Amino acid sequence: MRQQRWPATANPHLFRTEHTGRRTEECSKRWIWLTIGPDLSIAAIREDRILDEAHATGGDVRRLADLFGLSIQAGTRYTSVLGHPDLTNDRA
């Protein structure tokens, strides 16, 4: 989504709005809380993103390590769950 909406953005933050996508400032904590709610943590979103990238790359541990600043050992833990039946990717 980020690459499609703001392909040339200089904003390094995970969350962007139509205002922050054009600049380098972060979204307000209030905006994030109102958008994702109180029950979803930033850590959970990061883990979901790492797992999604693991699926998208077919388990490329090095890419996970480079992209998310993980050790090879941590990246391997994420890729080891790719075949788990609870995590099947039923995207159409």
PDB file of N, CA and C in Angstrom:
ATOM      1  N   MET A   1       0.820  -1.192   0.000  1.00  0.00           N
ATOM      2  CA  MET A   1       0.000   0.000   0.000  1.00  0.00           C
ATOM      3  C   MET A   1       0.868   1.262   0.000  1.00  0.00           C
ATOM      4  N   ARG A   2       1.886   1.286   0.858  1.00  0.00           N
ATOM      5  CA  ARG A   2       2.753   2.461   0.920  1.00  0.00           C
ATOM      6  C   ARG A   2       3.388   2.731  -0.437  1.00  0.00           C
ATOM      7  N   GLN A   3       3.906   1.708  -1.067  1.00  0.00           N
ATOM      8  CA  GLN A   3       4.592   1.862  -2.349  1.00  0.00           C
ATOM      9  C   GLN A   3       3.634   2.357  -3.428  1.00  0.00           C
ATOM     10  N   GLN A   4       2.374   1.963  -3.350  1.00  0.00           N
ATOM     11  CA  GLN A   4       1.393   2.404  -4.346  1.00  0.00           C
ATOM     12  C   GLN A   4       0.951   3.843  -4.106  1.00  0.00           C
ATOM     13  N   ARG A   5       0.690   4.187  -2.841  1.00  0.00           N
ATOM     14  CA  ARG A   5       0.149   5.508  -2.543  1.00  0.00           C
ATOM     15  C   ARG A   5       1.217   6.590  -2.511  1.00  0.00           C
ATOM     16  N   TRP A   6       2.367   6.281  -1.918  1.00  0.00           N
ATOM     17  CA  TRP A   6       3.447   7.268  -1.797  1.00  0.00           C
ATOM     18  C   TRP A   6       4.767   6.647  -2.257  1.00  0.00           C
ATOM     19  N   PRO A   7       4.930   6.375  -3.537  1.00  0.00           N
ATOM     20  CA  PRO A   7       6.137   5.682  -3.994  1.00  0.00           C
ATOM     21  C   PRO A   7       7.432   6.467  -3.790  1.00  0.00           C
ATOM     22  N   ALA A   8       7.342   7.773  -3.724  1.00  0.00           N
ATOM     23  CA  ALA A   8       8.569   8.571  -3.584  1.00  0.00           C
ATOM     24  C   ALA A   8       8.635   9.299  -2.249  1.00  0.00           C
ATOM     25  N   THR A   9       7.873   8.847  -1.259  1.00  0.00           N
ATOM     26  CA  THR A   9       7.867   9.550   0.016  1.00  0.00           C
ATOM     27  C   THR A   9       9.208   9.420   0.734  1.00  0.00           C
ATOM     28  N   ALA A  10       9.573  10.485   1.403  1.00  0.00           N
ATOM     29  CA  ALA A  10      10.782  10.458   2.228  1.00  0.00           C
ATOM     30  C   ALA A  10      10.430  10.136   3.671  1.00  0.00           C
ATOM     31  N   ASN A  11       9.146   9.919   3.951  1.00  0.00           N
ATOM     32  CA  ASN A  11       8.678   9.653   5.311  1.00  0.00           C
ATOM     33  C   ASN A  11       8.995   8.213   5.687  1.00  0.00           C
ATOM     34  N   PRO A  12       9.844   8.001   6.703  1.00  0.00           N
ATOM     35  CA  PRO A  12      10.263   6.649   7.067  1.00  0.00           C
ATOM     36  C   PRO A  12       9.317   5.935   8.041  1.00  0.00           C
ATOM     37  N   HIS A  13       8.261   6.601   8.478  1.00  0.00           N
ATOM     38  CA  HIS A  13       7.399   6.039   9.514  1.00  0.00           C
ATOM     39  C   HIS A  13       6.438   4.989   8.959  1.00  0.00           C
ATOM     40  N   LEU A  14       6.019   4.073   9.829  1.00  0.00           N
ATOM     41  CA  LEU A  14       5.109   2.998   9.441  1.00  0.00           C
ATOM     42  C   LEU A  14       3.745   3.535   9.044  1.00  0.00           C
ATOM     43  N   PHE A  15       3.190   4.432   9.844  1.00  0.00           N
ATOM     44  CA  PHE A  15       1.873   4.993   9.559  1.00  0.00           C
ATOM     45  C   PHE A  15       2.007   6.357   8.908  1.00  0.00           C
ATOM     46  N   ARG A  16       1.161   6.579   7.876  1.00  0.00           N
ATOM     47  CA  ARG A  16       1.134   7.851   7.186  1.00  0.00           C
ATOM     48  C   ARG A  16      -0.300   8.245   6.944  1.00  0.00           C
ATOM     49  N   THR A  17      -0.535   9.536   6.914  1.00  0.00           N
ATOM     50  CA  THR A  17      -1.843  10.062   6.532  1.00  0.00           C
ATOM     51  C   THR A  17      -1.638  10.860   5.257  1.00  0.00           C
ATOM     52  N   GLU A  18      -2.703  11.430   4.747  1.00  0.00           N
ATOM     53  CA  GLU A  18      -2.532  12.247   3.542  1.00  0.00           C
ATOM     54  C   GLU A  18      -1.661  13.453   3.815  1.00  0.00           C
ATOM     55  N   HIS A  19      -1.566  13.864   5.068  1.00  0.00           N
ATOM     56  CA  HIS A  19      -0.720  15.009   5.427  1.00  0.00           C
ATOM     57  C   HIS A  19       0.727  14.587   5.671  1.00  0.00           C
ATOM     58  N   THR A  20       0.945  13.519   6.431  1.00  0.00           N
ATOM     59  CA  THR A  20       2.313  13.128   6.761  1.00  0.00           C
ATOM     60  C   THR A  20       2.999  12.385   5.620  1.00  0.00           C
ATOM     61  N   GLY A  21       2.249  11.893   4.654  1.00  0.00           N
ATOM     62  CA  GLY A  21       2.851  11.207   3.508  1.00  0.00           C
ATOM     63  C   GLY A  21       3.681  12.132   2.649  1.00  0.00           C
ATOM     64  N   ARG A  22       3.382  13.414   2.721  1.00  0.00           N
ATOM     65  CA  ARG A  22       4.119  14.406   1.928  1.00  0.00           C
ATOM     66  C   ARG A  22       5.283  15.022   2.690  1.00  0.00           C
ATOM     67  N   ARG A  23       5.351  14.736   3.982  1.00  0.00           N
ATOM     68  CA  ARG A  23       6.412  15.300   4.823  1.00  0.00           C
ATOM     69  C   ARG A  23       7.127  14.164   5.545  1.00  0.00           C
ATOM     70  N   THR A  24       7.994  14.500   6.465  1.00  0.00           N
ATOM     71  CA  THR A  24       8.729  13.462   7.194  1.00  0.00           C
ATOM     72  C   THR A  24       8.304  13.339   8.652  1.00  0.00           C
ATOM     73  N   GLU A  25       7.211  14.005   9.026  1.00  0.00           N
ATOM     74  CA  GLU A  25       6.757  13.905  10.410  1.00  0.00           C
ATOM     75  C   GLU A  25       5.951  12.626  10.627  1.00  0.00           C
ATOM     76  N   GLU A  26       5.851  12.220  11.874  1.00  0.00           N
ATOM     77  CA  GLU A  26       5.084  11.018  12.191  1.00  0.00           C
ATOM     78  C   GLU A  26       3.630  11.382  12.466  1.00  0.00           C
ATOM     79  N   CYS A  27       2.762  10.372  12.388  1.00  0.00           N
ATOM     80  CA  CYS A  27       1.359  10.564  12.758  1.00  0.00           C
ATOM     81  C   CYS A  27       1.278  10.754  14.263  1.00  0.00           C
ATOM     82  N   SER A  28       0.237  11.427  14.688  1.00  0.00           N
ATOM     83  CA  SER A  28       0.070  11.631  16.130  1.00  0.00           C
ATOM     84  C   SER A  28      -0.321  10.316  16.799  1.00  0.00           C
ATOM     85  N   LYS A  29       0.023  10.194  18.065  1.00  0.00           N
ATOM     86  CA  LYS A  29      -0.361   9.009  18.823  1.00  0.00           C
ATOM     87  C   LYS A  29      -1.883   8.884  18.883  1.00  0.00           C
ATOM     88  N   ARG A  30      -2.558  10.004  18.944  1.00  0.00           N
ATOM     89  CA  ARG A  30      -4.030   9.985  18.964  1.00  0.00           C
ATOM     90  C   ARG A  30      -4.577   9.409  17.660  1.00  0.00           C
ATOM     91  N   TRP A  31      -4.031   9.814  16.512  1.00  0.00           N
ATOM     92  CA  TRP A  31      -4.490   9.293  15.233  1.00  0.00           C
ATOM     93  C   TRP A  31      -4.279   7.783  15.169  1.00  0.00           C
ATOM     94  N   ILE A  32      -3.116   7.332  15.603  1.00  0.00           N
ATOM     95  CA  ILE A  32      -2.827   5.895  15.588  1.00  0.00           C
ATOM     96  C   ILE A  32      -3.801   5.156  16.488  1.00  0.00           C
ATOM     97  N   TRP A  33      -4.030   5.664  17.704  1.00  0.00           N
ATOM     98  CA  TRP A  33      -4.930   5.013  18.646  1.00  0.00           C
ATOM     99  C   TRP A  33      -6.346   4.964  18.097  1.00  0.00           C
ATOM    100  N   LEU A  34      -6.821   6.050  17.496  1.00  0.00           N
ATOM    101  CA  LEU A  34      -8.165   6.078  16.925  1.00  0.00           C
ATOM    102  C   LEU A  34      -8.287   5.176  15.706  1.00  0.00           C
ATOM    103  N   THR A  35      -7.199   5.015  14.971  1.00  0.00           N
ATOM    104  CA  THR A  35      -7.231   4.206  13.756  1.00  0.00           C
ATOM    105  C   THR A  35      -7.145   2.713  14.043  1.00  0.00           C
ATOM    106  N   ILE A  36      -6.214   2.312  14.896  1.00  0.00           N
ATOM    107  CA  ILE A  36      -6.027   0.874  15.136  1.00  0.00           C
ATOM    108  C   ILE A  36      -6.707   0.388  16.402  1.00  0.00           C
ATOM    109  N   GLY A  37      -7.102   1.303  17.263  1.00  0.00           N
ATOM    110  CA  GLY A  37      -7.807   0.922  18.480  1.00  0.00           C
ATOM    111  C   GLY A  37      -6.871   0.572  19.614  1.00  0.00           C
ATOM    112  N   PRO A  38      -7.445   0.450  20.808  1.00  0.00           N
ATOM    113  CA  PRO A  38      -6.628   0.201  21.996  1.00  0.00           C
ATOM    114  C   PRO A  38      -6.169  -1.246  22.147  1.00  0.00           C
ATOM    115  N   ASP A  39      -6.765  -2.171  21.389  1.00  0.00           N
ATOM    116  CA  ASP A  39      -6.446  -3.587  21.579  1.00  0.00           C
ATOM    117  C   ASP A  39      -5.339  -4.108  20.678  1.00  0.00           C
ATOM    118  N   LEU A  40      -4.834  -3.279  19.798  1.00  0.00           N
ATOM    119  CA  LEU A  40      -3.798  -3.714  18.864  1.00  0.00           C
ATOM    120  C   LEU A  40      -2.529  -2.928  19.137  1.00  0.00           C
ATOM    121  N   SER A  41      -1.464  -3.647  19.433  1.00  0.00           N
ATOM    122  CA  SER A  41      -0.216  -2.975  19.776  1.00  0.00           C
ATOM    123  C   SER A  41       0.668  -2.797  18.540  1.00  0.00           C
ATOM    124  N   ILE A  42       1.591  -1.878  18.642  1.00  0.00           N
ATOM    125  CA  ILE A  42       2.568  -1.674  17.571  1.00  0.00           C
ATOM    126  C   ILE A  42       3.401  -2.938  17.385  1.00  0.00           C
ATOM    127  N   ALA A  43       3.731  -3.622  18.487  1.00  0.00           N
ATOM    128  CA  ALA A  43       4.508  -4.866  18.389  1.00  0.00           C
ATOM    129  C   ALA A  43       3.749  -5.920  17.597  1.00  0.00           C
ATOM    130  N   ALA A  44       2.442  -6.025  17.813  1.00  0.00           N
ATOM    131  CA  ALA A  44       1.634  -7.006  17.078  1.00  0.00           C
ATOM    132  C   ALA A  44       1.593  -6.669  15.592  1.00  0.00           C
ATOM    133  N   ILE A  45       1.495  -5.383  15.278  1.00  0.00           N
ATOM    134  CA  ILE A  45       1.497  -4.961  13.870  1.00  0.00           C
ATOM    135  C   ILE A  45       2.842  -5.283  13.230  1.00  0.00           C
ATOM    136  N   ARG A  46       3.921  -5.042  13.942  1.00  0.00           N
ATOM    137  CA  ARG A  46       5.264  -5.333  13.414  1.00  0.00           C
ATOM    138  C   ARG A  46       5.426  -6.827  13.157  1.00  0.00           C
ATOM    139  N   GLU A  47       4.992  -7.651  14.109  1.00  0.00           N
ATOM    140  CA  GLU A  47       5.091  -9.101  13.924  1.00  0.00           C
ATOM    141  C   GLU A  47       4.273  -9.557  12.728  1.00  0.00           C
ATOM    142  N   ASP A  48       3.075  -8.995  12.568  1.00  0.00           N
ATOM    143  CA  ASP A  48       2.241  -9.331  11.419  1.00  0.00           C
ATOM    144  C   ASP A  48       2.923  -8.939  10.119  1.00  0.00           C
ATOM    145  N   ARG A  49       3.557  -7.778  10.119  1.00  0.00           N
ATOM    146  CA  ARG A  49       4.273  -7.306   8.919  1.00  0.00           C
ATOM    147  C   ARG A  49       5.456  -8.209   8.584  1.00  0.00           C
ATOM    148  N   ILE A  50       6.166  -8.647   9.611  1.00  0.00           N
ATOM    149  CA  ILE A  50       7.304  -9.546   9.396  1.00  0.00           C
ATOM    150  C   ILE A  50       6.812 -10.875   8.832  1.00  0.00           C
ATOM    151  N   LEU A  51       5.738 -11.417   9.402  1.00  0.00           N
ATOM    152  CA  LEU A  51       5.190 -12.677   8.886  1.00  0.00           C
ATOM    153  C   LEU A  51       4.693 -12.516   7.455  1.00  0.00           C
ATOM    154  N   ASP A  52       4.058 -11.396   7.148  1.00  0.00           N
ATOM    155  CA  ASP A  52       3.594 -11.152   5.782  1.00  0.00           C
ATOM    156  C   ASP A  52       4.768 -11.094   4.809  1.00  0.00           C
ATOM    157  N   GLU A  53       5.837 -10.444   5.216  1.00  0.00           N
ATOM    158  CA  GLU A  53       7.024 -10.367   4.360  1.00  0.00           C
ATOM    159  C   GLU A  53       7.667 -11.741   4.207  1.00  0.00           C
ATOM    160  N   ALA A  54       7.658 -12.534   5.270  1.00  0.00           N
ATOM    161  CA  ALA A  54       8.193 -13.903   5.186  1.00  0.00           C
ATOM    162  C   ALA A  54       7.409 -14.709   4.160  1.00  0.00           C
ATOM    163  N   HIS A  55       6.078 -14.575   4.172  1.00  0.00           N
ATOM    164  CA  HIS A  55       5.244 -15.260   3.174  1.00  0.00           C
ATOM    165  C   HIS A  55       5.540 -14.740   1.774  1.00  0.00           C
ATOM    166  N   ALA A  56       5.603 -13.426   1.628  1.00  0.00           N
ATOM    167  CA  ALA A  56       5.793 -12.810   0.315  1.00  0.00           C
ATOM    168  C   ALA A  56       7.132 -13.178  -0.318  1.00  0.00           C
ATOM    169  N   THR A  57       8.152 -13.389   0.499  1.00  0.00           N
ATOM    170  CA  THR A  57       9.486 -13.694  -0.035  1.00  0.00           C
ATOM    171  C   THR A  57       9.786 -15.184  -0.044  1.00  0.00           C
ATOM    172  N   GLY A  58       8.805 -15.996   0.344  1.00  0.00           N
ATOM    173  CA  GLY A  58       9.039 -17.438   0.367  1.00  0.00           C
ATOM    174  C   GLY A  58      10.013 -17.857   1.450  1.00  0.00           C
ATOM    175  N   GLY A  59      10.119 -17.064   2.495  1.00  0.00           N
ATOM    176  CA  GLY A  59      10.984 -17.426   3.620  1.00  0.00           C
ATOM    177  C   GLY A  59      12.417 -16.952   3.482  1.00  0.00           C
ATOM    178  N   ASP A  60      12.636 -15.830   2.836  1.00  0.00           N
ATOM    179  CA  ASP A  60      13.983 -15.289   2.654  1.00  0.00           C
ATOM    180  C   ASP A  60      14.458 -14.643   3.963  1.00  0.00           C
ATOM    181  N   VAL A  61      15.203 -15.395   4.743  1.00  0.00           N
ATOM    182  CA  VAL A  61      15.651 -14.951   6.067  1.00  0.00           C
ATOM    183  C   VAL A  61      16.527 -13.711   5.962  1.00  0.00           C
ATOM    184  N   ARG A  62      17.385 -13.671   4.992  1.00  0.00           N
ATOM    185  CA  ARG A  62      18.284 -12.523   4.847  1.00  0.00           C
ATOM    186  C   ARG A  62      17.509 -11.235   4.576  1.00  0.00           C
ATOM    187  N   ARG A  63      16.480 -11.338   3.744  1.00  0.00           N
ATOM    188  CA  ARG A  63      15.653 -10.155   3.462  1.00  0.00           C
ATOM    189  C   ARG A  63      14.961  -9.667   4.735  1.00  0.00           C
ATOM    190  N   LEU A  64      14.425 -10.603   5.529  1.00  0.00           N
ATOM    191  CA  LEU A  64      13.788 -10.213   6.791  1.00  0.00           C
ATOM    192  C   LEU A  64      14.791  -9.528   7.715  1.00  0.00           C
ATOM    193  N   ALA A  65      15.979 -10.089   7.787  1.00  0.00           N
ATOM    194  CA  ALA A  65      17.014  -9.521   8.647  1.00  0.00           C
ATOM    195  C   ALA A  65      17.372  -8.105   8.202  1.00  0.00           C
ATOM    196  N   ASP A  66      17.541  -7.915   6.920  1.00  0.00           N
ATOM    197  CA  ASP A  66      17.902  -6.593   6.404  1.00  0.00           C
ATOM    198  C   ASP A  66      16.756  -5.587   6.541  1.00  0.00           C
ATOM    199  N   LEU A  67      15.551  -6.011   6.216  1.00  0.00           N
ATOM    200  CA  LEU A  67      14.409  -5.108   6.203  1.00  0.00           C
ATOM    201  C   LEU A  67      13.959  -4.689   7.593  1.00  0.00           C
ATOM    202  N   PHE A  68      14.007  -5.624   8.543  1.00  0.00           N
ATOM    203  CA  PHE A  68      13.474  -5.349   9.877  1.00  0.00           C
ATOM    204  C   PHE A  68      14.538  -5.243  10.955  1.00  0.00           C
ATOM    205  N   GLY A  69      15.791  -5.358  10.583  1.00  0.00           N
ATOM    206  CA  GLY A  69      16.857  -5.254  11.573  1.00  0.00           C
ATOM    207  C   GLY A  69      16.907  -6.445  12.508  1.00  0.00           C
ATOM    208  N   LEU A  70      16.542  -7.604  12.009  1.00  0.00           N
ATOM    209  CA  LEU A  70      16.542  -8.827  12.809  1.00  0.00           C
ATOM    210  C   LEU A  70      17.874  -9.547  12.677  1.00  0.00           C
ATOM    211  N   SER A  71      18.163 -10.384  13.643  1.00  0.00           N
ATOM    212  CA  SER A  71      19.297 -11.287  13.494  1.00  0.00           C
ATOM    213  C   SER A  71      18.849 -12.425  12.573  1.00  0.00           C
ATOM    214  N   ILE A  72      19.792 -13.160  12.050  1.00  0.00           N
ATOM    215  CA  ILE A  72      19.457 -14.316  11.209  1.00  0.00           C
ATOM    216  C   ILE A  72      18.660 -15.326  12.034  1.00  0.00           C
ATOM    217  N   GLN A  73      19.025 -15.499  13.284  1.00  0.00           N
ATOM    218  CA  GLN A  73      18.312 -16.430  14.165  1.00  0.00           C
ATOM    219  C   GLN A  73      16.851 -15.998  14.354  1.00  0.00           C
ATOM    220  N   ALA A  74      16.613 -14.719  14.583  1.00  0.00           N
ATOM    221  CA  ALA A  74      15.239 -14.227  14.744  1.00  0.00           C
ATOM    222  C   ALA A  74      14.462 -14.376  13.439  1.00  0.00           C
ATOM    223  N   GLY A  75      15.095 -14.058  12.320  1.00  0.00           N
ATOM    224  CA  GLY A  75      14.440 -14.219  11.024  1.00  0.00           C
ATOM    225  C   GLY A  75      14.068 -15.659  10.757  1.00  0.00           C
ATOM    226  N   THR A  76      14.917 -16.574  11.178  1.00  0.00           N
ATOM    227  CA  THR A  76      14.652 -18.001  11.005  1.00  0.00           C
ATOM    228  C   THR A  76      13.444 -18.437  11.828  1.00  0.00           C
ATOM    229  N   ARG A  77      13.275 -17.859  13.011  1.00  0.00           N
ATOM    230  CA  ARG A  77      12.090 -18.187  13.825  1.00  0.00           C
ATOM    231  C   ARG A  77      10.809 -17.782  13.098  1.00  0.00           C
ATOM    232  N   TYR A  78      10.824 -16.643  12.433  1.00  0.00           N
ATOM    233  CA  TYR A  78       9.640 -16.226  11.682  1.00  0.00           C
ATOM    234  C   TYR A  78       9.384 -17.125  10.479  1.00  0.00           C
ATOM    235  N   THR A  79      10.418 -17.505   9.775  1.00  0.00           N
ATOM    236  CA  THR A  79      10.214 -18.321   8.571  1.00  0.00           C
ATOM    237  C   THR A  79       9.889 -19.775   8.914  1.00  0.00           C
ATOM    238  N   SER A  80      10.206 -20.202  10.118  1.00  0.00           N
ATOM    239  CA  SER A  80       9.937 -21.596  10.487  1.00  0.00           C
ATOM    240  C   SER A  80       8.450 -21.896  10.612  1.00  0.00           C
ATOM    241  N   VAL A  81       7.614 -20.872  10.704  1.00  0.00           N
ATOM    242  CA  VAL A  81       6.173 -21.087  10.853  1.00  0.00           C
ATOM    243  C   VAL A  81       5.423 -21.028   9.521  1.00  0.00           C
ATOM    244  N   LEU A  82       6.124 -20.859   8.423  1.00  0.00           N
ATOM    245  CA  LEU A  82       5.451 -20.670   7.133  1.00  0.00           C
ATOM    246  C   LEU A  82       4.518 -21.808   6.749  1.00  0.00           C
ATOM    247  N   GLY A  83       4.836 -23.032   7.085  1.00  0.00           N
ATOM    248  CA  GLY A  83       3.990 -24.152   6.706  1.00  0.00           C
ATOM    249  C   GLY A  83       2.923 -24.504   7.726  1.00  0.00           C
ATOM    250  N   HIS A  84       2.837 -23.742   8.806  1.00  0.00           N
ATOM    251  CA  HIS A  84       1.881 -24.048   9.862  1.00  0.00           C
ATOM    252  C   HIS A  84       0.448 -23.885   9.345  1.00  0.00           C
ATOM    253  N   PRO A  85      -0.444 -24.875   9.608  1.00  0.00           N
ATOM    254  CA  PRO A  85      -1.811 -24.814   9.070  1.00  0.00           C
ATOM    255  C   PRO A  85      -2.639 -23.625   9.563  1.00  0.00           C
ATOM    256  N   ASP A  86      -2.322 -23.092  10.733  1.00  0.00           N
ATOM    257  CA  ASP A  86      -3.055 -21.917  11.238  1.00  0.00           C
ATOM    258  C   ASP A  86      -2.674 -20.642  10.502  1.00  0.00           C
ATOM    259  N   LEU A  87      -1.606 -20.679   9.750  1.00  0.00           N
ATOM    260  CA  LEU A  87      -1.126 -19.483   9.065  1.00  0.00           C
ATOM    261  C   LEU A  87      -1.203 -19.585   7.557  1.00  0.00           C
ATOM    262  N   THR A  88      -2.097 -20.410   7.056  1.00  0.00           N
ATOM    263  CA  THR A  88      -2.231 -20.529   5.607  1.00  0.00           C
ATOM    264  C   THR A  88      -2.671 -19.211   5.032  1.00  0.00           C
ATOM    265  N   ASN A  89      -2.152 -18.901   3.889  1.00  0.00           N
ATOM    266  CA  ASN A  89      -2.411 -17.627   3.233  1.00  0.00           C
ATOM    267  C   ASN A  89      -3.482 -17.838   2.176  1.00  0.00           C
ATOM    268  N   ASP A  90      -4.740 -17.549   2.517  1.00  0.00           N
ATOM    269  CA  ASP A  90      -5.874 -17.770   1.607  1.00  0.00           C
ATOM    270  C   ASP A  90      -6.241 -16.513   0.850  1.00  0.00           C
ATOM    271  N   ARG A  91      -5.259 -15.750   0.443  1.00  0.00           N
ATOM    272  CA  ARG A  91      -5.559 -14.534  -0.321  1.00  0.00           C
ATOM    273  C   ARG A  91      -5.927 -14.906  -1.742  1.00  0.00           C
ATOM    274  N   ALA A  92      -6.936 -14.278  -2.221  1.00  0.00           N
ATOM    275  CA  ALA A  92      -7.373 -14.547  -3.595  1.00  0.00           C
ATOM    276  C   ALA A  92      -6.949 -13.435  -4.511  1.00  0.00           C
TER     277      ALA A  92
END
